[in-house]
């Protein structure tokens, strides 16, 4: 008789509780090499800035400061900030004033 698959007594175990979340290593602001891009979504322009190597709380604080200074809406997704509108020029100035490094 032919048997397929592994059995738990063959040295295998079920480790569902040991999953680790992805953690990003935090970097200093000047060590970032940010890239700014534009996309069109549903006919409107969105400015995207990535990659940020910050923890979630720090990224939310940076987003809040930028949204207030730029007077625009925005959100964060993983290590990316998204802003409404074509604001690349102003965004570069504001990110530089906060101390972030930019990739040209």
C-alpha atoms as a PDB file:
ATOM      1  CA  UNK A   1       0.000   0.000   0.000  1.00  0.00           C
ATOM      2  CA  UNK A   2       1.259   3.494  -0.924  1.00  0.00           C
ATOM      3  CA  UNK A   3       0.915   6.248   1.735  1.00  0.00           C
ATOM      4  CA  UNK A   4       1.283   9.990   1.017  1.00  0.00           C
ATOM      5  CA  UNK A   5       1.930  12.827   3.422  1.00  0.00           C
ATOM      6  CA  UNK A   6       3.729  13.299   6.677  1.00  0.00           C
ATOM      7  CA  UNK A   7       2.562  12.157  10.053  1.00  0.00           C
ATOM      8  CA  UNK A   8       3.050  14.149  13.242  1.00  0.00           C
ATOM      9  CA  UNK A   9       5.071  11.363  14.787  1.00  0.00           C
ATOM     10  CA  UNK A  10       7.597  11.674  11.912  1.00  0.00           C
ATOM     11  CA  UNK A  11       9.169  14.739  13.560  1.00  0.00           C
ATOM     12  CA  UNK A  12       6.719  17.313  12.176  1.00  0.00           C
ATOM     13  CA  UNK A  13       4.784  19.698  14.382  1.00  0.00           C
ATOM     14  CA  UNK A  14       2.008  22.233  14.001  1.00  0.00           C
ATOM     15  CA  UNK A  15       3.383  25.704  14.874  1.00  0.00           C
ATOM     16  CA  UNK A  16       0.570  28.152  14.164  1.00  0.00           C
ATOM     17  CA  UNK A  17       1.178  30.230  17.282  1.00  0.00           C
ATOM     18  CA  UNK A  18       4.847  30.893  16.513  1.00  0.00           C
ATOM     19  CA  UNK A  19       4.300  33.201  13.546  1.00  0.00           C
ATOM     20  CA  UNK A  20       6.276  36.419  13.828  1.00  0.00           C
ATOM     21  CA  UNK A  21       5.171  39.739  12.407  1.00  0.00           C
ATOM     22  CA  UNK A  22       7.376  41.500   9.905  1.00  0.00           C
ATOM     23  CA  UNK A  23       9.371  44.138  11.722  1.00  0.00           C
ATOM     24  CA  UNK A  24      11.197  46.905   9.935  1.00  0.00           C
ATOM     25  CA  UNK A  25      14.485  48.080  11.331  1.00  0.00           C
ATOM     26  CA  UNK A  26      14.153  51.741  12.294  1.00  0.00           C
ATOM     27  CA  UNK A  27      16.620  54.133  10.734  1.00  0.00           C
ATOM     28  CA  UNK A  28      17.561  57.703  11.454  1.00  0.00           C
ATOM     29  CA  UNK A  29      15.828  60.274   9.267  1.00  0.00           C
ATOM     30  CA  UNK A  30      19.027  61.202   7.414  1.00  0.00           C
ATOM     31  CA  UNK A  31      19.683  57.519   6.528  1.00  0.00           C
ATOM     32  CA  UNK A  32      16.479  57.278   4.473  1.00  0.00           C
ATOM     33  CA  UNK A  33      16.660  57.317   0.674  1.00  0.00           C
ATOM     34  CA  UNK A  34      13.086  58.246  -0.198  1.00  0.00           C
ATOM     35  CA  UNK A  35      11.599  57.962  -3.668  1.00  0.00           C
ATOM     36  CA  UNK A  36       8.653  60.108  -4.764  1.00  0.00           C
ATOM     37  CA  UNK A  37       6.301  58.919  -7.503  1.00  0.00           C
ATOM     38  CA  UNK A  38       2.935  59.944  -8.959  1.00  0.00           C
ATOM     39  CA  UNK A  39       0.038  57.649  -9.825  1.00  0.00           C
ATOM     40  CA  UNK A  40      -3.416  58.211 -11.220  1.00  0.00           C
ATOM     41  CA  UNK A  41      -6.198  56.512  -9.314  1.00  0.00           C
ATOM     42  CA  UNK A  42      -9.775  56.865 -10.509  1.00  0.00           C
ATOM     43  CA  UNK A  43      -8.762  59.907 -12.554  1.00  0.00           C
ATOM     44  CA  UNK A  44      -7.068  61.716  -9.665  1.00  0.00           C
ATOM     45  CA  UNK A  45      -3.358  62.138  -8.929  1.00  0.00           C
ATOM     46  CA  UNK A  46      -1.777  60.559  -5.832  1.00  0.00           C
ATOM     47  CA  UNK A  47       1.781  61.334  -4.714  1.00  0.00           C
ATOM     48  CA  UNK A  48       3.569  58.353  -3.160  1.00  0.00           C
ATOM     49  CA  UNK A  49       6.662  58.514  -0.930  1.00  0.00           C
ATOM     50  CA  UNK A  50       8.550  55.337   0.012  1.00  0.00           C
ATOM     51  CA  UNK A  51      10.313  53.445   1.625  1.00  0.00           C
ATOM     52  CA  UNK A  52      10.162  54.604   5.220  1.00  0.00           C
ATOM     53  CA  UNK A  53      12.028  52.539   7.810  1.00  0.00           C
ATOM     54  CA  UNK A  54      10.149  53.749  10.877  1.00  0.00           C
ATOM     55  CA  UNK A  55       7.855  52.116  13.385  1.00  0.00           C
ATOM     56  CA  UNK A  56       4.129  52.634  12.950  1.00  0.00           C
ATOM     57  CA  UNK A  57       3.693  55.326  15.603  1.00  0.00           C
ATOM     58  CA  UNK A  58       6.576  57.453  14.330  1.00  0.00           C
ATOM     59  CA  UNK A  59       5.297  57.145  10.758  1.00  0.00           C
ATOM     60  CA  UNK A  60       1.857  58.346  11.886  1.00  0.00           C
ATOM     61  CA  UNK A  61       3.433  61.381  13.572  1.00  0.00           C
ATOM     62  CA  UNK A  62       5.407  62.240  10.411  1.00  0.00           C
ATOM     63  CA  UNK A  63       2.254  61.815   8.293  1.00  0.00           C
ATOM     64  CA  UNK A  64       0.244  64.088  10.584  1.00  0.00           C
ATOM     65  CA  UNK A  65       2.929  66.829  10.433  1.00  0.00           C
ATOM     66  CA  UNK A  66       3.137  66.642   6.637  1.00  0.00           C
ATOM     67  CA  UNK A  67      -0.636  66.650   6.115  1.00  0.00           C
ATOM     68  CA  UNK A  68      -0.930  69.728   8.311  1.00  0.00           C
ATOM     69  CA  UNK A  69       1.878  71.636   6.552  1.00  0.00           C
ATOM     70  CA  UNK A  70       0.763  70.644   3.050  1.00  0.00           C
ATOM     71  CA  UNK A  71      -2.976  71.104   3.736  1.00  0.00           C
ATOM     72  CA  UNK A  72      -3.868  67.866   1.984  1.00  0.00           C
ATOM     73  CA  UNK A  73      -5.218  64.434   2.796  1.00  0.00           C
ATOM     74  CA  UNK A  74      -3.050  61.375   3.086  1.00  0.00           C
ATOM     75  CA  UNK A  75      -2.603  57.890   4.473  1.00  0.00           C
ATOM     76  CA  UNK A  76       0.101  55.378   5.292  1.00  0.00           C
ATOM     77  CA  UNK A  77       0.273  51.793   4.105  1.00  0.00           C
ATOM     78  CA  UNK A  78       3.090  49.605   5.459  1.00  0.00           C
ATOM     79  CA  UNK A  79       6.241  51.630   4.699  1.00  0.00           C
ATOM     80  CA  UNK A  80       4.627  54.076   2.262  1.00  0.00           C
ATOM     81  CA  UNK A  81       2.958  57.474   2.592  1.00  0.00           C
ATOM     82  CA  UNK A  82       0.308  58.509   0.055  1.00  0.00           C
ATOM     83  CA  UNK A  83      -0.885  62.086  -0.425  1.00  0.00           C
ATOM     84  CA  UNK A  84      -3.760  63.490  -2.467  1.00  0.00           C
ATOM     85  CA  UNK A  85      -2.731  65.651  -5.378  1.00  0.00           C
ATOM     86  CA  UNK A  86       0.422  66.434  -7.345  1.00  0.00           C
ATOM     87  CA  UNK A  87       2.557  67.951  -4.555  1.00  0.00           C
ATOM     88  CA  UNK A  88       6.001  66.573  -5.360  1.00  0.00           C
ATOM     89  CA  UNK A  89       7.894  69.895  -5.247  1.00  0.00           C
ATOM     90  CA  UNK A  90       6.450  71.023  -1.926  1.00  0.00           C
ATOM     91  CA  UNK A  91       6.813  67.532  -0.460  1.00  0.00           C
ATOM     92  CA  UNK A  92      10.544  67.399  -1.256  1.00  0.00           C
ATOM     93  CA  UNK A  93      11.083  70.694   0.577  1.00  0.00           C
ATOM     94  CA  UNK A  94       9.074  69.613   3.634  1.00  0.00           C
ATOM     95  CA  UNK A  95      10.715  66.176   3.883  1.00  0.00           C
ATOM     96  CA  UNK A  96      14.156  67.785   3.614  1.00  0.00           C
ATOM     97  CA  UNK A  97      13.269  70.255   6.370  1.00  0.00           C
ATOM     98  CA  UNK A  98      12.312  67.294   8.596  1.00  0.00           C
ATOM     99  CA  UNK A  99      15.748  65.803   7.902  1.00  0.00           C
ATOM    100  CA  UNK A 100      14.900  62.948   5.529  1.00  0.00           C
ATOM    101  CA  UNK A 101      17.344  61.915   2.827  1.00  0.00           C
ATOM    102  CA  UNK A 102      16.083  61.923  -0.758  1.00  0.00           C
ATOM    103  CA  UNK A 103      17.108  59.821  -3.728  1.00  0.00           C
ATOM    104  CA  UNK A 104      17.394  61.821  -6.933  1.00  0.00           C
END
